[in-house]
């Protein structure tokens, strides 16, 4: 099988620059509305089965990590009230299967390398500076999580994420988000209501295997609802950046994937910005 059998090309002809414009327009409209767009049934049934089998085969190679974090991935600030969102910490646990566990001609990379995939994503996001992440451990990965694992409420540090649902847990795992809750300012009072479970701004999505999601999480608080059951949740993550030849910093790479490669050490400190991550 090849990518033309994995992707629902009759429904989504992403390889045809002209034919895909209607789809692009719909995705852009959703992103502009609330920062989230879902391309339902992007994969065929055969595609879902192939990616699921591939993820299951290498799931034992995922690197597990656990920590406690607030919505901002920042340190505690004792000068603030205990109820302040900055001081609200939650358990975060997951496992990432590094990119070098997926074969060049395997199902996941076949989808990623399909002609027109990158251009389709770029057009949907309307990003001018748009490059594949050059990191051999992180350009396309799978997050795998089971009962007891969790993605608590948080904001993303990057401008957008591109994910592909592969397998759901037996229950739970809904994608929940509060659209643009801090678009103009931090809006701590509204964020606190989300953390308390009293907000009326939260949207809940049940993504099905084969759904492609584009999400701008810099301004929208979001989480994955707690998972239940023995079946793990598998989600592929495609990484794009605004600079060519970018790889992860050694310490951050070791935290996420449990190891580093020579390229991480060779390119350490070579980014054009001076940010600590």
C-alpha atoms as a PDB file:
ATOM      1  CA  UNK A   1       0.000   0.000   0.000  1.00  0.00           C
ATOM      2  CA  UNK A   2       1.040   3.601  -0.579  1.00  0.00           C
ATOM      3  CA  UNK A   3      -0.070   7.028   0.575  1.00  0.00           C
ATOM      4  CA  UNK A   4      -2.636   7.222  -2.224  1.00  0.00           C
ATOM      5  CA  UNK A   5      -4.440   4.392  -0.435  1.00  0.00           C
ATOM      6  CA  UNK A   6      -3.952   5.851   3.039  1.00  0.00           C
ATOM      7  CA  UNK A   7      -5.341   9.332   2.322  1.00  0.00           C
ATOM      8  CA  UNK A   8      -8.960   9.958   1.276  1.00  0.00           C
ATOM      9  CA  UNK A   9      -7.891  11.645  -1.957  1.00  0.00           C
ATOM     10  CA  UNK A  10     -11.286  11.511  -3.658  1.00  0.00           C
ATOM     11  CA  UNK A  11     -12.684  13.561  -0.807  1.00  0.00           C
ATOM     12  CA  UNK A  12      -9.544  15.602  -0.200  1.00  0.00           C
ATOM     13  CA  UNK A  13      -7.444  15.947  -3.395  1.00  0.00           C
ATOM     14  CA  UNK A  14      -4.568  17.665  -1.613  1.00  0.00           C
ATOM     15  CA  UNK A  15      -2.127  16.677  -4.373  1.00  0.00           C
ATOM     16  CA  UNK A  16      -3.972  18.926  -6.846  1.00  0.00           C
ATOM     17  CA  UNK A  17      -3.173  22.599  -6.145  1.00  0.00           C
ATOM     18  CA  UNK A  18      -6.360  23.793  -7.842  1.00  0.00           C
ATOM     19  CA  UNK A  19      -8.814  21.202  -6.545  1.00  0.00           C
ATOM     20  CA  UNK A  20      -7.714  21.547  -2.933  1.00  0.00           C
ATOM     21  CA  UNK A  21      -8.535  25.260  -2.753  1.00  0.00           C
ATOM     22  CA  UNK A  22     -12.108  24.637  -1.636  1.00  0.00           C
ATOM     23  CA  UNK A  23     -10.836  22.518   1.260  1.00  0.00           C
ATOM     24  CA  UNK A  24      -8.181  25.104   2.087  1.00  0.00           C
ATOM     25  CA  UNK A  25     -10.830  27.831   2.206  1.00  0.00           C
ATOM     26  CA  UNK A  26     -12.965  25.822   4.636  1.00  0.00           C
ATOM     27  CA  UNK A  27     -10.012  25.122   6.934  1.00  0.00           C
ATOM     28  CA  UNK A  28      -8.953  28.778   6.896  1.00  0.00           C
ATOM     29  CA  UNK A  29     -12.467  29.863   7.828  1.00  0.00           C
ATOM     30  CA  UNK A  30     -12.491  27.537  10.835  1.00  0.00           C
ATOM     31  CA  UNK A  31      -9.043  28.653  11.945  1.00  0.00           C
ATOM     32  CA  UNK A  32      -9.987  32.305  11.689  1.00  0.00           C
ATOM     33  CA  UNK A  33     -13.194  31.690  13.619  1.00  0.00           C
ATOM     34  CA  UNK A  34     -11.783  29.979  16.702  1.00  0.00           C
ATOM     35  CA  UNK A  35      -8.299  28.708  15.937  1.00  0.00           C
ATOM     36  CA  UNK A  36      -9.317  25.084  15.351  1.00  0.00           C
ATOM     37  CA  UNK A  37     -10.045  23.145  12.168  1.00  0.00           C
ATOM     38  CA  UNK A  38     -10.738  19.440  11.716  1.00  0.00           C
ATOM     39  CA  UNK A  39     -10.521  17.634   8.370  1.00  0.00           C
ATOM     40  CA  UNK A  40     -12.840  14.715   9.087  1.00  0.00           C
ATOM     41  CA  UNK A  41     -11.915  11.337   7.647  1.00  0.00           C
ATOM     42  CA  UNK A  42      -8.636  12.534   6.151  1.00  0.00           C
ATOM     43  CA  UNK A  43      -7.426   8.929   6.221  1.00  0.00           C
ATOM     44  CA  UNK A  44      -9.174   5.964   4.639  1.00  0.00           C
ATOM     45  CA  UNK A  45     -10.149   2.993   6.792  1.00  0.00           C
ATOM     46  CA  UNK A  46      -7.136   1.150   5.385  1.00  0.00           C
ATOM     47  CA  UNK A  47      -4.956   4.124   6.247  1.00  0.00           C
ATOM     48  CA  UNK A  48      -6.172   4.194   9.832  1.00  0.00           C
ATOM     49  CA  UNK A  49      -5.534   0.458  10.187  1.00  0.00           C
ATOM     50  CA  UNK A  50      -2.023   0.759   8.737  1.00  0.00           C
ATOM     51  CA  UNK A  51      -0.994   3.693  10.942  1.00  0.00           C
ATOM     52  CA  UNK A  52      -2.499   2.033  14.002  1.00  0.00           C
ATOM     53  CA  UNK A  53      -0.560  -1.175  13.376  1.00  0.00           C
ATOM     54  CA  UNK A  54       2.654   0.780  12.871  1.00  0.00           C
ATOM     55  CA  UNK A  55       2.161   2.783  16.079  1.00  0.00           C
ATOM     56  CA  UNK A  56       1.308  -0.343  18.086  1.00  0.00           C
ATOM     57  CA  UNK A  57       4.462  -2.063  16.810  1.00  0.00           C
ATOM     58  CA  UNK A  58       6.780   0.654  18.142  1.00  0.00           C
ATOM     59  CA  UNK A  59       4.769   1.932  21.126  1.00  0.00           C
ATOM     60  CA  UNK A  60       7.152   0.167  23.526  1.00  0.00           C
ATOM     61  CA  UNK A  61       9.908   2.466  22.257  1.00  0.00           C
ATOM     62  CA  UNK A  62       8.145   5.600  23.454  1.00  0.00           C
ATOM     63  CA  UNK A  63       9.875   7.733  26.059  1.00  0.00           C
ATOM     64  CA  UNK A  64       7.675   8.269  29.119  1.00  0.00           C
ATOM     65  CA  UNK A  65       7.837  11.408  31.228  1.00  0.00           C
ATOM     66  CA  UNK A  66       5.911  12.734  34.206  1.00  0.00           C
ATOM     67  CA  UNK A  67       5.919  16.173  35.778  1.00  0.00           C
ATOM     68  CA  UNK A  68       3.691  18.818  37.299  1.00  0.00           C
ATOM     69  CA  UNK A  69       2.986  21.949  35.328  1.00  0.00           C
ATOM     70  CA  UNK A  70       0.708  24.937  35.188  1.00  0.00           C
ATOM     71  CA  UNK A  71      -1.029  26.195  32.049  1.00  0.00           C
ATOM     72  CA  UNK A  72       1.981  28.341  31.157  1.00  0.00           C
ATOM     73  CA  UNK A  73       4.835  25.841  31.741  1.00  0.00           C
ATOM     74  CA  UNK A  74       6.231  28.412  34.165  1.00  0.00           C
ATOM     75  CA  UNK A  75       7.500  28.376  37.733  1.00  0.00           C
ATOM     76  CA  UNK A  76       5.348  28.990  40.777  1.00  0.00           C
ATOM     77  CA  UNK A  77       4.997  32.595  41.948  1.00  0.00           C
ATOM     78  CA  UNK A  78       4.397  32.707  45.721  1.00  0.00           C
ATOM     79  CA  UNK A  79       3.623  36.433  45.466  1.00  0.00           C
ATOM     80  CA  UNK A  80       0.284  35.568  43.843  1.00  0.00           C
ATOM     81  CA  UNK A  81      -2.842  34.176  45.569  1.00  0.00           C
ATOM     82  CA  UNK A  82      -3.003  30.375  45.724  1.00  0.00           C
ATOM     83  CA  UNK A  83      -6.077  30.399  43.454  1.00  0.00           C
ATOM     84  CA  UNK A  84      -4.281  32.287  40.680  1.00  0.00           C
ATOM     85  CA  UNK A  85      -3.900  30.257  37.429  1.00  0.00           C
ATOM     86  CA  UNK A  86      -0.119  30.635  37.519  1.00  0.00           C
ATOM     87  CA  UNK A  87      -0.138  28.789  40.851  1.00  0.00           C
ATOM     88  CA  UNK A  88      -2.431  25.948  39.722  1.00  0.00           C
ATOM     89  CA  UNK A  89      -0.295  22.893  38.946  1.00  0.00           C
ATOM     90  CA  UNK A  90      -1.485  19.594  37.468  1.00  0.00           C
ATOM     91  CA  UNK A  91       0.090  16.200  36.764  1.00  0.00           C
ATOM     92  CA  UNK A  92       1.225  15.832  33.162  1.00  0.00           C
ATOM     93  CA  UNK A  93       2.306  12.455  31.784  1.00  0.00           C
ATOM     94  CA  UNK A  94       2.726  11.031  28.324  1.00  0.00           C
ATOM     95  CA  UNK A  95       5.023   9.139  25.997  1.00  0.00           C
ATOM     96  CA  UNK A  96       6.474  10.246  22.676  1.00  0.00           C
ATOM     97  CA  UNK A  97       7.609   7.695  20.114  1.00  0.00           C
ATOM     98  CA  UNK A  98      10.630   9.347  18.438  1.00  0.00           C
ATOM     99  CA  UNK A  99      10.573   9.922  14.692  1.00  0.00           C
ATOM    100  CA  UNK A 100      13.440   7.570  13.853  1.00  0.00           C
ATOM    101  CA  UNK A 101      11.271   4.594  14.798  1.00  0.00           C
ATOM    102  CA  UNK A 102       9.099   5.125  11.708  1.00  0.00           C
ATOM    103  CA  UNK A 103      10.476   3.681   8.480  1.00  0.00           C
ATOM    104  CA  UNK A 104      10.941   5.966   5.444  1.00  0.00           C
ATOM    105  CA  UNK A 105       8.479   3.855   3.444  1.00  0.00           C
ATOM    106  CA  UNK A 106       6.150   3.123   6.373  1.00  0.00           C
ATOM    107  CA  UNK A 107       2.551   4.382   6.583  1.00  0.00           C
ATOM    108  CA  UNK A 108       3.180   7.469   8.740  1.00  0.00           C
ATOM    109  CA  UNK A 109       6.050   8.816   6.670  1.00  0.00           C
ATOM    110  CA  UNK A 110       4.242   7.929   3.466  1.00  0.00           C
ATOM    111  CA  UNK A 111       1.448  10.287   4.515  1.00  0.00           C
ATOM    112  CA  UNK A 112       3.907  12.974   5.611  1.00  0.00           C
ATOM    113  CA  UNK A 113       5.900  12.709   2.360  1.00  0.00           C
ATOM    114  CA  UNK A 114       2.890  12.566   0.062  1.00  0.00           C
ATOM    115  CA  UNK A 115       3.179  15.223  -2.687  1.00  0.00           C
ATOM    116  CA  UNK A 116       1.100  18.215  -1.710  1.00  0.00           C
ATOM    117  CA  UNK A 117       0.781  17.434   2.013  1.00  0.00           C
ATOM    118  CA  UNK A 118       3.182  20.133   3.194  1.00  0.00           C
ATOM    119  CA  UNK A 119       1.825  22.687   0.730  1.00  0.00           C
ATOM    120  CA  UNK A 120      -1.736  21.929   1.812  1.00  0.00           C
ATOM    121  CA  UNK A 121      -0.872  22.475   5.482  1.00  0.00           C
ATOM    122  CA  UNK A 122       1.008  25.695   4.710  1.00  0.00           C
ATOM    123  CA  UNK A 123      -1.858  27.091   2.638  1.00  0.00           C
ATOM    124  CA  UNK A 124      -4.365  26.271   5.355  1.00  0.00           C
ATOM    125  CA  UNK A 125      -2.276  27.973   8.028  1.00  0.00           C
ATOM    126  CA  UNK A 126      -1.378  30.935   5.808  1.00  0.00           C
ATOM    127  CA  UNK A 127       2.185  30.847   7.079  1.00  0.00           C
ATOM    128  CA  UNK A 128       4.874  32.441   4.901  1.00  0.00           C
ATOM    129  CA  UNK A 129       7.927  31.125   6.772  1.00  0.00           C
ATOM    130  CA  UNK A 130       7.197  27.399   6.801  1.00  0.00           C
ATOM    131  CA  UNK A 131       9.723  24.564   6.988  1.00  0.00           C
ATOM    132  CA  UNK A 132       9.725  20.974   8.090  1.00  0.00           C
ATOM    133  CA  UNK A 133      11.384  20.451  11.429  1.00  0.00           C
ATOM    134  CA  UNK A 134      14.814  19.070  10.561  1.00  0.00           C
ATOM    135  CA  UNK A 135      15.095  17.128  13.807  1.00  0.00           C
ATOM    136  CA  UNK A 136      15.511  13.380  13.075  1.00  0.00           C
ATOM    137  CA  UNK A 137      13.861  12.520  16.395  1.00  0.00           C
ATOM    138  CA  UNK A 138      10.951  14.928  16.143  1.00  0.00           C
ATOM    139  CA  UNK A 139       9.868  15.819  12.590  1.00  0.00           C
ATOM    140  CA  UNK A 140       6.918  13.423  12.812  1.00  0.00           C
ATOM    141  CA  UNK A 141       6.212  11.536  16.030  1.00  0.00           C
ATOM    142  CA  UNK A 142       3.413   9.673  17.743  1.00  0.00           C
ATOM    143  CA  UNK A 143       2.140  10.534  21.178  1.00  0.00           C
ATOM    144  CA  UNK A 144       0.800   7.487  22.949  1.00  0.00           C
ATOM    145  CA  UNK A 145      -1.102   7.687  26.225  1.00  0.00           C
ATOM    146  CA  UNK A 146      -3.231   5.372  28.310  1.00  0.00           C
ATOM    147  CA  UNK A 147      -5.314   5.463  31.452  1.00  0.00           C
ATOM    148  CA  UNK A 148      -3.550   7.478  34.113  1.00  0.00           C
ATOM    149  CA  UNK A 149      -1.734   9.615  31.555  1.00  0.00           C
ATOM    150  CA  UNK A 150      -2.878  13.158  30.995  1.00  0.00           C
ATOM    151  CA  UNK A 151      -2.599  16.431  29.124  1.00  0.00           C
ATOM    152  CA  UNK A 152      -3.924  19.011  31.587  1.00  0.00           C
ATOM    153  CA  UNK A 153      -5.014  22.518  30.642  1.00  0.00           C
ATOM    154  CA  UNK A 154      -2.274  24.534  28.940  1.00  0.00           C
ATOM    155  CA  UNK A 155      -1.350  27.045  26.267  1.00  0.00           C
ATOM    156  CA  UNK A 156       1.074  26.070  23.507  1.00  0.00           C
ATOM    157  CA  UNK A 157       4.410  27.821  23.180  1.00  0.00           C
ATOM    158  CA  UNK A 158       4.304  27.451  19.389  1.00  0.00           C
ATOM    159  CA  UNK A 159       1.848  29.143  17.036  1.00  0.00           C
ATOM    160  CA  UNK A 160       0.145  26.001  15.691  1.00  0.00           C
ATOM    161  CA  UNK A 161       0.026  22.207  15.858  1.00  0.00           C
ATOM    162  CA  UNK A 162      -0.817  19.655  13.165  1.00  0.00           C
ATOM    163  CA  UNK A 163      -2.055  16.301  14.454  1.00  0.00           C
ATOM    164  CA  UNK A 164      -3.613  13.151  13.059  1.00  0.00           C
ATOM    165  CA  UNK A 165      -5.814  10.932  15.229  1.00  0.00           C
ATOM    166  CA  UNK A 166      -4.853   7.262  14.898  1.00  0.00           C
ATOM    167  CA  UNK A 167      -6.528   5.457  17.791  1.00  0.00           C
ATOM    168  CA  UNK A 168      -8.807   6.549  20.633  1.00  0.00           C
ATOM    169  CA  UNK A 169      -8.854   5.273  24.176  1.00  0.00           C
ATOM    170  CA  UNK A 170     -11.880   3.257  25.248  1.00  0.00           C
ATOM    171  CA  UNK A 171     -13.388   6.387  26.777  1.00  0.00           C
ATOM    172  CA  UNK A 172     -12.360   9.946  27.513  1.00  0.00           C
ATOM    173  CA  UNK A 173      -9.756  11.698  25.424  1.00  0.00           C
ATOM    174  CA  UNK A 174     -11.993  14.468  24.095  1.00  0.00           C
ATOM    175  CA  UNK A 175     -10.133  17.542  22.894  1.00  0.00           C
ATOM    176  CA  UNK A 176     -11.381  20.487  24.948  1.00  0.00           C
ATOM    177  CA  UNK A 177     -10.482  24.116  24.334  1.00  0.00           C
ATOM    178  CA  UNK A 178     -11.494  27.665  25.227  1.00  0.00           C
ATOM    179  CA  UNK A 179     -11.121  29.596  21.952  1.00  0.00           C
ATOM    180  CA  UNK A 180      -8.969  32.732  22.029  1.00  0.00           C
ATOM    181  CA  UNK A 181      -9.390  33.104  25.776  1.00  0.00           C
ATOM    182  CA  UNK A 182      -6.243  35.223  26.033  1.00  0.00           C
ATOM    183  CA  UNK A 183      -6.122  36.791  22.595  1.00  0.00           C
ATOM    184  CA  UNK A 184      -5.994  40.374  23.877  1.00  0.00           C
ATOM    185  CA  UNK A 185      -4.583  39.853  27.384  1.00  0.00           C
ATOM    186  CA  UNK A 186      -3.902  37.020  29.835  1.00  0.00           C
ATOM    187  CA  UNK A 187      -7.535  37.129  31.053  1.00  0.00           C
ATOM    188  CA  UNK A 188      -6.683  35.295  34.267  1.00  0.00           C
ATOM    189  CA  UNK A 189     -10.253  35.420  35.631  1.00  0.00           C
ATOM    190  CA  UNK A 190     -11.622  33.562  32.602  1.00  0.00           C
ATOM    191  CA  UNK A 191      -8.735  31.090  32.689  1.00  0.00           C
ATOM    192  CA  UNK A 192      -9.465  30.390  36.358  1.00  0.00           C
ATOM    193  CA  UNK A 193     -13.082  29.516  35.509  1.00  0.00           C
ATOM    194  CA  UNK A 194     -11.882  26.953  32.958  1.00  0.00           C
ATOM    195  CA  UNK A 195      -9.546  25.402  35.537  1.00  0.00           C
ATOM    196  CA  UNK A 196     -12.408  25.351  38.051  1.00  0.00           C
ATOM    197  CA  UNK A 197     -14.759  23.657  35.585  1.00  0.00           C
ATOM    198  CA  UNK A 198     -17.248  26.537  35.693  1.00  0.00           C
ATOM    199  CA  UNK A 199     -16.585  28.197  32.330  1.00  0.00           C
ATOM    200  CA  UNK A 200     -19.162  28.329  29.528  1.00  0.00           C
ATOM    201  CA  UNK A 201     -16.463  28.986  26.930  1.00  0.00           C
ATOM    202  CA  UNK A 202     -15.155  25.421  26.600  1.00  0.00           C
ATOM    203  CA  UNK A 203     -15.705  23.546  23.335  1.00  0.00           C
ATOM    204  CA  UNK A 204     -15.415  19.745  23.368  1.00  0.00           C
ATOM    205  CA  UNK A 205     -14.427  17.768  20.261  1.00  0.00           C
ATOM    206  CA  UNK A 206     -14.520  14.016  19.830  1.00  0.00           C
ATOM    207  CA  UNK A 207     -11.858  13.376  17.192  1.00  0.00           C
ATOM    208  CA  UNK A 208     -12.146  10.045  15.419  1.00  0.00           C
ATOM    209  CA  UNK A 209      -9.274   7.951  14.013  1.00  0.00           C
ATOM    210  CA  UNK A 210      -8.316   9.392  10.642  1.00  0.00           C
ATOM    211  CA  UNK A 211      -9.215  13.008  11.502  1.00  0.00           C
ATOM    212  CA  UNK A 212      -6.584  15.654  10.746  1.00  0.00           C
ATOM    213  CA  UNK A 213      -6.549  18.632  13.121  1.00  0.00           C
ATOM    214  CA  UNK A 214      -4.929  22.049  12.735  1.00  0.00           C
ATOM    215  CA  UNK A 215      -4.961  24.084  15.921  1.00  0.00           C
ATOM    216  CA  UNK A 216      -3.634  27.442  17.076  1.00  0.00           C
ATOM    217  CA  UNK A 217      -3.053  26.851  20.767  1.00  0.00           C
ATOM    218  CA  UNK A 218      -1.039  29.929  21.642  1.00  0.00           C
ATOM    219  CA  UNK A 219      -4.158  31.850  22.666  1.00  0.00           C
ATOM    220  CA  UNK A 220      -6.640  29.034  23.334  1.00  0.00           C
ATOM    221  CA  UNK A 221      -6.427  27.140  26.618  1.00  0.00           C
ATOM    222  CA  UNK A 222      -6.840  23.414  25.893  1.00  0.00           C
ATOM    223  CA  UNK A 223      -6.444  19.901  27.204  1.00  0.00           C
ATOM    224  CA  UNK A 224      -7.135  16.243  26.449  1.00  0.00           C
ATOM    225  CA  UNK A 225      -9.823  14.905  28.794  1.00  0.00           C
ATOM    226  CA  UNK A 226      -8.702  12.064  31.122  1.00  0.00           C
ATOM    227  CA  UNK A 227      -8.371   8.683  29.420  1.00  0.00           C
ATOM    228  CA  UNK A 228      -9.962   5.443  30.577  1.00  0.00           C
ATOM    229  CA  UNK A 229      -9.557   1.820  29.576  1.00  0.00           C
ATOM    230  CA  UNK A 230      -6.734  -0.443  28.437  1.00  0.00           C
ATOM    231  CA  UNK A 231      -6.571   0.830  24.848  1.00  0.00           C
ATOM    232  CA  UNK A 232      -3.946   3.569  24.379  1.00  0.00           C
ATOM    233  CA  UNK A 233      -4.642   6.792  22.522  1.00  0.00           C
ATOM    234  CA  UNK A 234      -2.310   7.300  19.530  1.00  0.00           C
ATOM    235  CA  UNK A 235      -1.937  10.707  17.861  1.00  0.00           C
ATOM    236  CA  UNK A 236       0.635  11.612  15.207  1.00  0.00           C
ATOM    237  CA  UNK A 237       2.217  15.059  15.422  1.00  0.00           C
ATOM    238  CA  UNK A 238       3.711  16.735  12.342  1.00  0.00           C
ATOM    239  CA  UNK A 239       6.196  19.489  13.181  1.00  0.00           C
ATOM    240  CA  UNK A 240       6.850  22.623  11.135  1.00  0.00           C
ATOM    241  CA  UNK A 241       8.912  25.664  12.065  1.00  0.00           C
ATOM    242  CA  UNK A 242       9.690  29.144  10.750  1.00  0.00           C
ATOM    243  CA  UNK A 243      13.416  28.548  10.150  1.00  0.00           C
ATOM    244  CA  UNK A 244      15.224  25.999   7.954  1.00  0.00           C
ATOM    245  CA  UNK A 245      17.444  23.268   9.421  1.00  0.00           C
ATOM    246  CA  UNK A 246      16.118  23.699  12.970  1.00  0.00           C
ATOM    247  CA  UNK A 247      16.533  20.902  15.521  1.00  0.00           C
ATOM    248  CA  UNK A 248      15.745  20.659  19.210  1.00  0.00           C
ATOM    249  CA  UNK A 249      18.010  21.895  21.974  1.00  0.00           C
ATOM    250  CA  UNK A 250      19.919  18.979  23.586  1.00  0.00           C
ATOM    251  CA  UNK A 251      18.388  19.266  27.068  1.00  0.00           C
ATOM    252  CA  UNK A 252      14.822  19.641  25.800  1.00  0.00           C
ATOM    253  CA  UNK A 253      15.343  16.752  23.359  1.00  0.00           C
ATOM    254  CA  UNK A 254      16.604  14.516  26.143  1.00  0.00           C
ATOM    255  CA  UNK A 255      13.571  15.375  28.273  1.00  0.00           C
ATOM    256  CA  UNK A 256      11.097  14.553  25.505  1.00  0.00           C
ATOM    257  CA  UNK A 257      12.754  11.583  23.795  1.00  0.00           C
ATOM    258  CA  UNK A 258      15.224  10.215  26.344  1.00  0.00           C
ATOM    259  CA  UNK A 259      18.291  10.680  24.156  1.00  0.00           C
ATOM    260  CA  UNK A 260      20.103  13.019  21.802  1.00  0.00           C
ATOM    261  CA  UNK A 261      21.910  12.513  18.501  1.00  0.00           C
ATOM    262  CA  UNK A 262      25.152  14.112  17.272  1.00  0.00           C
ATOM    263  CA  UNK A 263      23.163  16.637  15.230  1.00  0.00           C
ATOM    264  CA  UNK A 264      21.617  18.063  18.414  1.00  0.00           C
ATOM    265  CA  UNK A 265      25.040  18.722  19.903  1.00  0.00           C
ATOM    266  CA  UNK A 266      26.459  20.063  16.645  1.00  0.00           C
ATOM    267  CA  UNK A 267      23.641  22.596  16.217  1.00  0.00           C
ATOM    268  CA  UNK A 268      23.207  23.575  19.849  1.00  0.00           C
ATOM    269  CA  UNK A 269      22.890  27.339  20.183  1.00  0.00           C
ATOM    270  CA  UNK A 270      22.604  27.972  16.441  1.00  0.00           C
ATOM    271  CA  UNK A 271      19.016  29.251  16.413  1.00  0.00           C
ATOM    272  CA  UNK A 272      18.401  32.790  15.253  1.00  0.00           C
ATOM    273  CA  UNK A 273      16.549  33.725  18.455  1.00  0.00           C
ATOM    274  CA  UNK A 274      17.900  33.919  21.988  1.00  0.00           C
ATOM    275  CA  UNK A 275      15.008  32.202  23.780  1.00  0.00           C
ATOM    276  CA  UNK A 276      16.013  29.701  26.436  1.00  0.00           C
ATOM    277  CA  UNK A 277      14.038  26.776  24.950  1.00  0.00           C
END
